PDB file of N, CA and C in Angstrom:
ATOM      1  N   MET A   1     -41.806  -5.547   4.385  1.00  0.00           N
ATOM      2  CA  MET A   1     -42.387  -4.501   3.609  1.00  0.00           C
ATOM      3  C   MET A   1     -41.445  -3.595   2.754  1.00  0.00           C
ATOM      4  N   GLU A   2     -40.234  -3.332   3.361  1.00  0.00           N
ATOM      5  CA  GLU A   2     -39.282  -2.587   2.752  1.00  0.00           C
ATOM      6  C   GLU A   2     -38.708  -3.237   1.441  1.00  0.00           C
ATOM      7  N   ALA A   3     -38.747  -4.651   1.608  1.00  0.00           N
ATOM      8  CA  ALA A   3     -38.431  -5.365   0.284  1.00  0.00           C
ATOM      9  C   ALA A   3     -39.283  -5.106  -0.729  1.00  0.00           C
ATOM     10  N   ILE A   4     -40.637  -5.414  -0.413  1.00  0.00           N
ATOM     11  CA  ILE A   4     -41.572  -4.913  -1.482  1.00  0.00           C
ATOM     12  C   ILE A   4     -41.484  -3.638  -2.057  1.00  0.00           C
ATOM     13  N   SER A   5     -41.400  -2.596  -1.163  1.00  0.00           N
ATOM     14  CA  SER A   5     -41.196  -1.216  -1.785  1.00  0.00           C
ATOM     15  C   SER A   5     -39.997  -1.098  -2.675  1.00  0.00           C
ATOM     16  N   ILE A   6     -38.850  -1.634  -2.250  1.00  0.00           N
ATOM     17  CA  ILE A   6     -37.736  -1.535  -3.084  1.00  0.00           C
ATOM     18  C   ILE A   6     -37.938  -2.331  -4.470  1.00  0.00           C
ATOM     19  N   ALA A   7     -38.600  -3.516  -4.451  1.00  0.00           N
ATOM     20  CA  ALA A   7     -38.905  -4.168  -5.639  1.00  0.00           C
ATOM     21  C   ALA A   7     -39.894  -3.442  -6.661  1.00  0.00           C
ATOM     22  N   ARG A   8     -40.742  -2.790  -5.943  1.00  0.00           N
ATOM     23  CA  ARG A   8     -41.926  -1.996  -6.662  1.00  0.00           C
ATOM     24  C   ARG A   8     -41.194  -0.667  -7.213  1.00  0.00           C
ATOM     25  N   ASP A   9     -40.723   0.215  -6.359  1.00  0.00           N
ATOM     26  CA  ASP A   9     -40.206   1.551  -6.623  1.00  0.00           C
ATOM     27  C   ASP A   9     -38.929   1.487  -7.281  1.00  0.00           C
ATOM     28  N   GLU A  10     -37.836   0.782  -6.844  1.00  0.00           N
ATOM     29  CA  GLU A  10     -36.659   0.780  -7.447  1.00  0.00           C
ATOM     30  C   GLU A  10     -36.293  -0.259  -8.497  1.00  0.00           C
ATOM     31  N   GLN A  11     -37.264  -1.127  -8.425  1.00  0.00           N
ATOM     32  CA  GLN A  11     -37.156  -2.374  -9.424  1.00  0.00           C
ATOM     33  C   GLN A  11     -35.721  -3.208  -8.974  1.00  0.00           C
ATOM     34  N   ASP A  12     -35.288  -3.106  -7.920  1.00  0.00           N
ATOM     35  CA  ASP A  12     -34.116  -3.771  -7.474  1.00  0.00           C
ATOM     36  C   ASP A  12     -34.455  -5.092  -6.780  1.00  0.00           C
ATOM     37  N   ILE A  13     -34.673  -6.153  -7.466  1.00  0.00           N
ATOM     38  CA  ILE A  13     -35.016  -7.342  -6.899  1.00  0.00           C
ATOM     39  C   ILE A  13     -33.887  -7.966  -6.003  1.00  0.00           C
ATOM     40  N   ASP A  14     -32.649  -7.822  -6.431  1.00  0.00           N
ATOM     41  CA  ASP A  14     -31.585  -8.351  -5.647  1.00  0.00           C
ATOM     42  C   ASP A  14     -31.532  -7.686  -4.350  1.00  0.00           C
ATOM     43  N   ALA A  15     -31.743  -6.424  -4.158  1.00  0.00           N
ATOM     44  CA  ALA A  15     -31.762  -5.729  -2.758  1.00  0.00           C
ATOM     45  C   ALA A  15     -32.923  -6.176  -2.058  1.00  0.00           C
ATOM     46  N   ALA A  16     -34.081  -6.438  -2.777  1.00  0.00           N
ATOM     47  CA  ALA A  16     -35.156  -6.886  -2.042  1.00  0.00           C
ATOM     48  C   ALA A  16     -34.973  -8.228  -1.505  1.00  0.00           C
ATOM     49  N   ARG A  17     -34.518  -9.169  -2.241  1.00  0.00           N
ATOM     50  CA  ARG A  17     -34.291 -10.436  -1.694  1.00  0.00           C
ATOM     51  C   ARG A  17     -33.129 -10.408  -0.608  1.00  0.00           C
ATOM     52  N   GLN A  18     -32.223  -9.568  -0.711  1.00  0.00           N
ATOM     53  CA  GLN A  18     -31.347  -9.365   0.592  1.00  0.00           C
ATOM     54  C   GLN A  18     -31.987  -9.082   1.705  1.00  0.00           C
ATOM     55  N   LEU A  19     -32.883  -7.997   1.655  1.00  0.00           N
ATOM     56  CA  LEU A  19     -33.657  -7.608   2.905  1.00  0.00           C
ATOM     57  C   LEU A  19     -34.529  -8.775   3.355  1.00  0.00           C
ATOM     58  N   ILE A  20     -34.992  -9.605   2.610  1.00  0.00           N
ATOM     59  CA  ILE A  20     -35.906 -10.605   2.909  1.00  0.00           C
ATOM     60  C   ILE A  20     -34.901 -11.775   3.714  1.00  0.00           C
ATOM     61  N   ALA A  21     -33.721 -11.982   3.209  1.00  0.00           N
ATOM     62  CA  ALA A  21     -32.832 -12.896   3.740  1.00  0.00           C
ATOM     63  C   ALA A  21     -32.366 -12.474   5.073  1.00  0.00           C
ATOM     64  N   GLU A  22     -32.090 -11.190   5.256  1.00  0.00           N
ATOM     65  CA  GLU A  22     -31.701 -10.671   6.442  1.00  0.00           C
ATOM     66  C   GLU A  22     -33.091 -10.730   7.604  1.00  0.00           C
ATOM     67  N   ALA A  23     -34.139 -10.482   7.070  1.00  0.00           N
ATOM     68  CA  ALA A  23     -35.281 -10.765   7.986  1.00  0.00           C
ATOM     69  C   ALA A  23     -35.513 -12.246   8.382  1.00  0.00           C
ATOM     70  N   HIS A  24     -35.230 -13.071   7.412  1.00  0.00           N
ATOM     71  CA  HIS A  24     -35.277 -14.595   7.824  1.00  0.00           C
ATOM     72  C   HIS A  24     -34.335 -14.851   8.930  1.00  0.00           C
ATOM     73  N   GLN A  25     -33.112 -14.206   8.855  1.00  0.00           N
ATOM     74  CA  GLN A  25     -32.077 -14.583  10.034  1.00  0.00           C
ATOM     75  C   GLN A  25     -32.566 -13.999  11.284  1.00  0.00           C
ATOM     76  N   SER A  26     -33.238 -12.817  11.350  1.00  0.00           N
ATOM     77  CA  SER A  26     -33.708 -12.218  12.494  1.00  0.00           C
ATOM     78  C   SER A  26     -34.965 -13.007  13.092  1.00  0.00           C
ATOM     79  N   ILE A  27     -35.835 -13.472  12.234  1.00  0.00           N
ATOM     80  CA  ILE A  27     -36.931 -14.188  12.767  1.00  0.00           C
ATOM     81  C   ILE A  27     -36.647 -15.527  13.235  1.00  0.00           C
ATOM     82  N   LEU A  28     -35.470 -16.098  12.643  1.00  0.00           N
ATOM     83  CA  LEU A  28     -35.003 -17.408  13.090  1.00  0.00           C
ATOM     84  C   LEU A  28     -34.662 -17.417  14.511  1.00  0.00           C
ATOM     85  N   LYS A  29     -34.028 -16.360  15.032  1.00  0.00           N
ATOM     86  CA  LYS A  29     -33.643 -16.174  16.398  1.00  0.00           C
ATOM     87  C   LYS A  29     -34.932 -16.231  17.240  1.00  0.00           C
ATOM     88  N   ALA A  30     -35.954 -15.485  16.912  1.00  0.00           N
ATOM     89  CA  ALA A  30     -37.258 -15.400  17.707  1.00  0.00           C
ATOM     90  C   ALA A  30     -37.795 -16.911  17.583  1.00  0.00           C
ATOM     91  N   HIS A  31     -37.790 -17.522  16.530  1.00  0.00           N
ATOM     92  CA  HIS A  31     -38.490 -18.819  16.503  1.00  0.00           C
ATOM     93  C   HIS A  31     -37.685 -19.775  17.232  1.00  0.00           C
ATOM     94  N   ARG A  32     -36.366 -19.641  17.386  1.00  0.00           N
ATOM     95  CA  ARG A  32     -35.526 -20.639  18.123  1.00  0.00           C
ATOM     96  C   ARG A  32     -35.884 -20.432  19.638  1.00  0.00           C
ATOM     97  N   ALA A  33     -36.103 -19.222  20.140  1.00  0.00           N
ATOM     98  CA  ALA A  33     -36.501 -18.841  21.448  1.00  0.00           C
ATOM     99  C   ALA A  33     -37.865 -19.512  21.731  1.00  0.00           C
ATOM    100  N   GLN A  34     -38.713 -19.306  20.767  1.00  0.00           N
ATOM    101  CA  GLN A  34     -40.105 -19.935  21.007  1.00  0.00           C
ATOM    102  C   GLN A  34     -40.106 -21.391  21.091  1.00  0.00           C
ATOM    103  N   MET A  35     -39.281 -22.060  20.094  1.00  0.00           N
ATOM    104  CA  MET A  35     -39.200 -23.489  20.169  1.00  0.00           C
ATOM    105  C   MET A  35     -38.578 -24.040  21.415  1.00  0.00           C
ATOM    106  N   GLY A  36     -37.541 -23.197  21.975  1.00  0.00           N
ATOM    107  CA  GLY A  36     -37.025 -23.601  23.324  1.00  0.00           C
ATOM    108  C   GLY A  36     -38.032 -23.668  24.417  1.00  0.00           C
ATOM    109  N   LEU A  37     -38.966 -22.756  24.437  1.00  0.00           N
ATOM    110  CA  LEU A  37     -40.019 -22.825  25.377  1.00  0.00           C
ATOM    111  C   LEU A  37     -40.930 -23.959  25.198  1.00  0.00           C
ATOM    112  N   ILE A  38     -41.257 -24.230  23.922  1.00  0.00           N
ATOM    113  CA  ILE A  38     -42.140 -25.204  23.573  1.00  0.00           C
ATOM    114  C   ILE A  38     -41.573 -26.676  24.024  1.00  0.00           C
ATOM    115  N   THR A  39     -40.184 -26.732  23.692  1.00  0.00           N
ATOM    116  CA  THR A  39     -39.515 -27.957  23.951  1.00  0.00           C
ATOM    117  C   THR A  39     -39.456 -28.200  25.637  1.00  0.00           C
ATOM    118  N   LYS A  40     -39.213 -27.117  26.327  1.00  0.00           N
ATOM    119  CA  LYS A  40     -39.144 -27.327  27.785  1.00  0.00           C
ATOM    120  C   LYS A  40     -40.503 -27.732  28.294  1.00  0.00           C
ATOM    121  N   GLU A  41     -41.553 -27.131  27.747  1.00  0.00           N
ATOM    122  CA  GLU A  41     -42.980 -27.660  28.235  1.00  0.00           C
ATOM    123  C   GLU A  41     -43.270 -29.089  27.821  1.00  0.00           C
ATOM    124  N   ALA A  42     -42.982 -29.477  26.596  1.00  0.00           N
ATOM    125  CA  ALA A  42     -43.118 -30.688  26.133  1.00  0.00           C
ATOM    126  C   ALA A  42     -42.385 -31.705  27.049  1.00  0.00           C
ATOM    127  N   GLN A  43     -41.220 -31.329  27.602  1.00  0.00           N
ATOM    128  CA  GLN A  43     -40.491 -32.105  28.385  1.00  0.00           C
ATOM    129  C   GLN A  43     -40.892 -32.140  29.921  1.00  0.00           C
ATOM    130  N   GLY A  44     -42.002 -31.462  30.163  1.00  0.00           N
ATOM    131  CA  GLY A  44     -42.607 -31.416  31.506  1.00  0.00           C
ATOM    132  C   GLY A  44     -42.376 -30.335  32.376  1.00  0.00           C
ATOM    133  N   GLU A  45     -41.528 -29.365  32.034  1.00  0.00           N
ATOM    134  CA  GLU A  45     -41.182 -28.281  32.601  1.00  0.00           C
ATOM    135  C   GLU A  45     -42.534 -27.204  32.589  1.00  0.00           C
ATOM    136  N   ARG A  46     -42.948 -26.796  33.691  1.00  0.00           N
ATOM    137  CA  ARG A  46     -44.061 -25.863  33.634  1.00  0.00           C
ATOM    138  C   ARG A  46     -43.558 -24.492  33.220  1.00  0.00           C
ATOM    139  N   ILE A  47     -44.373 -24.010  32.168  1.00  0.00           N
ATOM    140  CA  ILE A  47     -43.947 -22.673  31.693  1.00  0.00           C
ATOM    141  C   ILE A  47     -45.085 -21.655  32.083  1.00  0.00           C
ATOM    142  N   ASN A  48     -44.684 -20.693  32.645  1.00  0.00           N
ATOM    143  CA  ASN A  48     -45.826 -19.625  33.013  1.00  0.00           C
ATOM    144  C   ASN A  48     -46.047 -18.728  31.816  1.00  0.00           C
ATOM    145  N   VAL A  49     -47.289 -18.958  31.054  1.00  0.00           N
ATOM    146  CA  VAL A  49     -47.491 -18.109  29.972  1.00  0.00           C
ATOM    147  C   VAL A  49     -48.374 -16.895  30.311  1.00  0.00           C
ATOM    148  N   THR A  50     -47.734 -15.847  29.798  1.00  0.00           N
ATOM    149  CA  THR A  50     -48.208 -14.526  30.089  1.00  0.00           C
ATOM    150  C   THR A  50     -48.892 -14.022  28.837  1.00  0.00           C
ATOM    151  N   PHE A  51     -49.548 -12.772  29.101  1.00  0.00           N
ATOM    152  CA  PHE A  51     -50.153 -12.187  27.884  1.00  0.00           C
ATOM    153  C   PHE A  51     -49.137 -11.609  27.106  1.00  0.00           C
ATOM    154  N   LEU A  52     -48.013 -11.297  27.696  1.00  0.00           N
ATOM    155  CA  LEU A  52     -46.937 -10.703  26.859  1.00  0.00           C
ATOM    156  C   LEU A  52     -46.275 -11.822  26.018  1.00  0.00           C
ATOM    157  N   MET A  53     -46.202 -12.953  26.527  1.00  0.00           N
ATOM    158  CA  MET A  53     -45.760 -14.242  25.802  1.00  0.00           C
ATOM    159  C   MET A  53     -46.695 -14.505  24.574  1.00  0.00           C
ATOM    160  N   VAL A  54     -48.021 -14.315  24.872  1.00  0.00           N
ATOM    161  CA  VAL A  54     -49.061 -14.624  23.747  1.00  0.00           C
ATOM    162  C   VAL A  54     -48.906 -13.603  22.633  1.00  0.00           C
ATOM    163  N   HIS A  55     -48.636 -12.371  23.162  1.00  0.00           N
ATOM    164  CA  HIS A  55     -48.470 -11.286  22.158  1.00  0.00           C
ATOM    165  C   HIS A  55     -47.286 -11.381  21.389  1.00  0.00           C
ATOM    166  N   ALA A  56     -46.217 -11.839  21.963  1.00  0.00           N
ATOM    167  CA  ALA A  56     -44.953 -12.170  21.259  1.00  0.00           C
ATOM    168  C   ALA A  56     -45.155 -13.224  20.193  1.00  0.00           C
ATOM    169  N   GLN A  57     -45.824 -14.252  20.600  1.00  0.00           N
ATOM    170  CA  GLN A  57     -46.142 -15.333  19.595  1.00  0.00           C
ATOM    171  C   GLN A  57     -46.821 -14.828  18.483  1.00  0.00           C
ATOM    172  N   ASP A  58     -47.909 -14.046  18.693  1.00  0.00           N
ATOM    173  CA  ASP A  58     -48.649 -13.428  17.581  1.00  0.00           C
ATOM    174  C   ASP A  58     -47.773 -12.535  16.696  1.00  0.00           C
ATOM    175  N   HIS A  59     -46.734 -11.971  17.218  1.00  0.00           N
ATOM    176  CA  HIS A  59     -45.838 -11.100  16.193  1.00  0.00           C
ATOM    177  C   HIS A  59     -44.997 -12.006  15.626  1.00  0.00           C
ATOM    178  N   VAL A  60     -44.395 -13.114  16.164  1.00  0.00           N
ATOM    179  CA  VAL A  60     -43.696 -14.123  15.383  1.00  0.00           C
ATOM    180  C   VAL A  60     -44.452 -14.695  14.175  1.00  0.00           C
ATOM    181  N   MET A  61     -45.581 -15.148  14.530  1.00  0.00           N
ATOM    182  CA  MET A  61     -46.293 -15.815  13.382  1.00  0.00           C
ATOM    183  C   MET A  61     -46.802 -14.853  12.336  1.00  0.00           C
ATOM    184  N   THR A  62     -47.225 -13.584  12.714  1.00  0.00           N
ATOM    185  CA  THR A  62     -47.565 -12.579  11.696  1.00  0.00           C
ATOM    186  C   THR A  62     -46.367 -12.366  10.911  1.00  0.00           C
ATOM    187  N   THR A  63     -45.275 -12.147  11.483  1.00  0.00           N
ATOM    188  CA  THR A  63     -44.069 -11.701  10.748  1.00  0.00           C
ATOM    189  C   THR A  63     -43.683 -12.792   9.704  1.00  0.00           C
ATOM    190  N   MET A  64     -43.788 -13.969  10.185  1.00  0.00           N
ATOM    191  CA  MET A  64     -43.472 -15.215   9.254  1.00  0.00           C
ATOM    192  C   MET A  64     -44.343 -15.184   8.036  1.00  0.00           C
ATOM    193  N   ALA A  65     -45.688 -14.924   8.433  1.00  0.00           N
ATOM    194  CA  ALA A  65     -46.563 -14.886   7.194  1.00  0.00           C
ATOM    195  C   ALA A  65     -46.274 -13.745   6.197  1.00  0.00           C
ATOM    196  N   VAL A  66     -46.014 -12.607   6.742  1.00  0.00           N
ATOM    197  CA  VAL A  66     -45.767 -11.464   6.032  1.00  0.00           C
ATOM    198  C   VAL A  66     -44.439 -11.641   5.134  1.00  0.00           C
ATOM    199  N   MET A  67     -43.509 -12.369   5.602  1.00  0.00           N
ATOM    200  CA  MET A  67     -42.294 -12.650   5.005  1.00  0.00           C
ATOM    201  C   MET A  67     -42.591 -13.578   3.809  1.00  0.00           C
ATOM    202  N   ASP A  68     -43.444 -14.579   4.002  1.00  0.00           N
ATOM    203  CA  ASP A  68     -43.670 -15.392   2.916  1.00  0.00           C
ATOM    204  C   ASP A  68     -44.447 -14.657   1.790  1.00  0.00           C
ATOM    205  N   LEU A  69     -45.252 -13.880   2.217  1.00  0.00           N
ATOM    206  CA  LEU A  69     -46.031 -13.060   1.183  1.00  0.00           C
ATOM    207  C   LEU A  69     -45.084 -11.971   0.468  1.00  0.00           C
ATOM    208  N   ALA A  70     -44.137 -11.454   1.182  1.00  0.00           N
ATOM    209  CA  ALA A  70     -43.169 -10.511   0.611  1.00  0.00           C
ATOM    210  C   ALA A  70     -42.377 -11.215  -0.490  1.00  0.00           C
ATOM    211  N   GLU A  71     -41.889 -12.463  -0.175  1.00  0.00           N
ATOM    212  CA  GLU A  71     -41.094 -13.203  -1.265  1.00  0.00           C
ATOM    213  C   GLU A  71     -42.030 -13.382  -2.435  1.00  0.00           C
ATOM    214  N   GLU A  72     -43.363 -13.760  -2.229  1.00  0.00           N
ATOM    215  CA  GLU A  72     -44.192 -13.984  -3.442  1.00  0.00           C
ATOM    216  C   GLU A  72     -44.335 -12.599  -4.357  1.00  0.00           C
ATOM    217  N   VAL A  73     -44.586 -11.489  -3.602  1.00  0.00           N
ATOM    218  CA  VAL A  73     -44.757 -10.201  -4.131  1.00  0.00           C
ATOM    219  C   VAL A  73     -43.447  -9.824  -4.935  1.00  0.00           C
ATOM    220  N   VAL A  74     -42.272 -10.108  -4.203  1.00  0.00           N
ATOM    221  CA  VAL A  74     -41.101  -9.622  -5.064  1.00  0.00           C
ATOM    222  C   VAL A  74     -40.875 -10.429  -6.279  1.00  0.00           C
ATOM    223  N   ASN A  75     -41.229 -11.863  -6.191  1.00  0.00           N
ATOM    224  CA  ASN A  75     -41.222 -12.632  -7.397  1.00  0.00           C
ATOM    225  C   ASN A  75     -42.088 -12.144  -8.490  1.00  0.00           C
ATOM    226  N   LEU A  76     -43.255 -11.671  -8.025  1.00  0.00           N
ATOM    227  CA  LEU A  76     -44.239 -11.156  -9.130  1.00  0.00           C
ATOM    228  C   LEU A  76     -43.747  -9.820  -9.705  1.00  0.00           C
ATOM    229  N   TYR A  77     -43.004  -8.904  -8.884  1.00  0.00           N
ATOM    230  CA  TYR A  77     -42.441  -7.816  -9.439  1.00  0.00           C
ATOM    231  C   TYR A  77     -41.300  -8.048 -10.416  1.00  0.00           C
ATOM    232  N   GLU A  78     -40.600  -9.247 -10.063  1.00  0.00           N
ATOM    233  CA  GLU A  78     -39.538  -9.587 -11.030  1.00  0.00           C
ATOM    234  C   GLU A  78     -40.123  -9.970 -12.251  1.00  0.00           C
ATOM    235  N   GLN A  79     -41.199 -10.748 -12.264  1.00  0.00           N
ATOM    236  CA  GLN A  79     -41.894 -11.224 -13.467  1.00  0.00           C
ATOM    237  C   GLN A  79     -42.414 -10.088 -14.354  1.00  0.00           C
ATOM    238  N   ILE A  80     -43.024  -9.084 -13.616  1.00  0.00           N
ATOM    239  CA  ILE A  80     -43.540  -7.838 -14.208  1.00  0.00           C
ATOM    240  C   ILE A  80     -42.377  -7.202 -14.971  1.00  0.00           C
ATOM    241  N   ASN A  81     -41.230  -7.035 -14.168  1.00  0.00           N
ATOM    242  CA  ASN A  81     -40.079  -6.200 -14.764  1.00  0.00           C
ATOM    243  C   ASN A  81     -39.546  -6.998 -15.986  1.00  0.00           C
ATOM    244  N   GLU A  82     -39.488  -8.300 -16.003  1.00  0.00           N
ATOM    245  CA  GLU A  82     -39.068  -9.026 -17.169  1.00  0.00           C
ATOM    246  C   GLU A  82     -40.038  -8.949 -18.406  1.00  0.00           C
ATOM    247  N   ILE A  83     -41.252  -8.936 -18.093  1.00  0.00           N
ATOM    248  CA  ILE A  83     -42.246  -8.655 -19.089  1.00  0.00           C
ATOM    249  C   ILE A  83     -42.160  -7.281 -19.831  1.00  0.00           C
ATOM    250  N   LYS A  84     -41.972  -6.353 -18.947  1.00  0.00           N
ATOM    251  CA  LYS A  84     -41.683  -4.878 -19.420  1.00  0.00           C
ATOM    252  C   LYS A  84     -40.517  -4.768 -20.293  1.00  0.00           C
ATOM    253  N   ARG A  85     -39.423  -5.409 -19.924  1.00  0.00           N
ATOM    254  CA  ARG A  85     -38.194  -5.321 -20.627  1.00  0.00           C
ATOM    255  C   ARG A  85     -38.309  -6.088 -22.019  1.00  0.00           C
ATOM    256  N   GLY A  86     -39.113  -7.193 -21.927  1.00  0.00           N
ATOM    257  CA  GLY A  86     -39.385  -7.839 -23.260  1.00  0.00           C
ATOM    258  C   GLY A  86     -40.181  -6.911 -24.169  1.00  0.00           C
ATOM    259  N   ALA A  87     -41.129  -6.229 -23.594  1.00  0.00           N
ATOM    260  CA  ALA A  87     -42.117  -5.464 -24.544  1.00  0.00           C
ATOM    261  C   ALA A  87     -41.404  -4.246 -25.014  1.00  0.00           C
ATOM    262  N   CYS A  88     -40.551  -3.809 -24.344  1.00  0.00           N
ATOM    263  CA  CYS A  88     -39.660  -2.586 -24.715  1.00  0.00           C
ATOM    264  C   CYS A  88     -38.659  -2.933 -25.863  1.00  0.00           C
ATOM    265  N   GLN A  89     -38.259  -4.199 -25.832  1.00  0.00           N
ATOM    266  CA  GLN A  89     -37.286  -4.636 -26.849  1.00  0.00           C
ATOM    267  C   GLN A  89     -37.834  -4.851 -28.141  1.00  0.00           C
ATOM    268  N   LYS A  90     -39.205  -5.011 -28.188  1.00  0.00           N
ATOM    269  CA  LYS A  90     -39.872  -5.236 -29.472  1.00  0.00           C
ATOM    270  C   LYS A  90     -39.956  -3.944 -30.196  1.00  0.00           C
TER     271      LYS A  90
END
């Protein structure tokens, strides 16, 4: 969400993309932990699923979806900025 704000308010697309890249690195850690549990269960190990684990899974998936959307919104702001620059040059 911070990346979207920076792209919109400051029109700093590079900074927005850097924040998204940092977010990707963070969520990758959570995703690896999640996949570790899935792998263990797939290999026959019994995993005790708690409400907290379900809640954490929900956060991981929601975050991944918001990150995808943030990338698209930043791309749109970049296009808008390019159109504005082109219109100002005429």
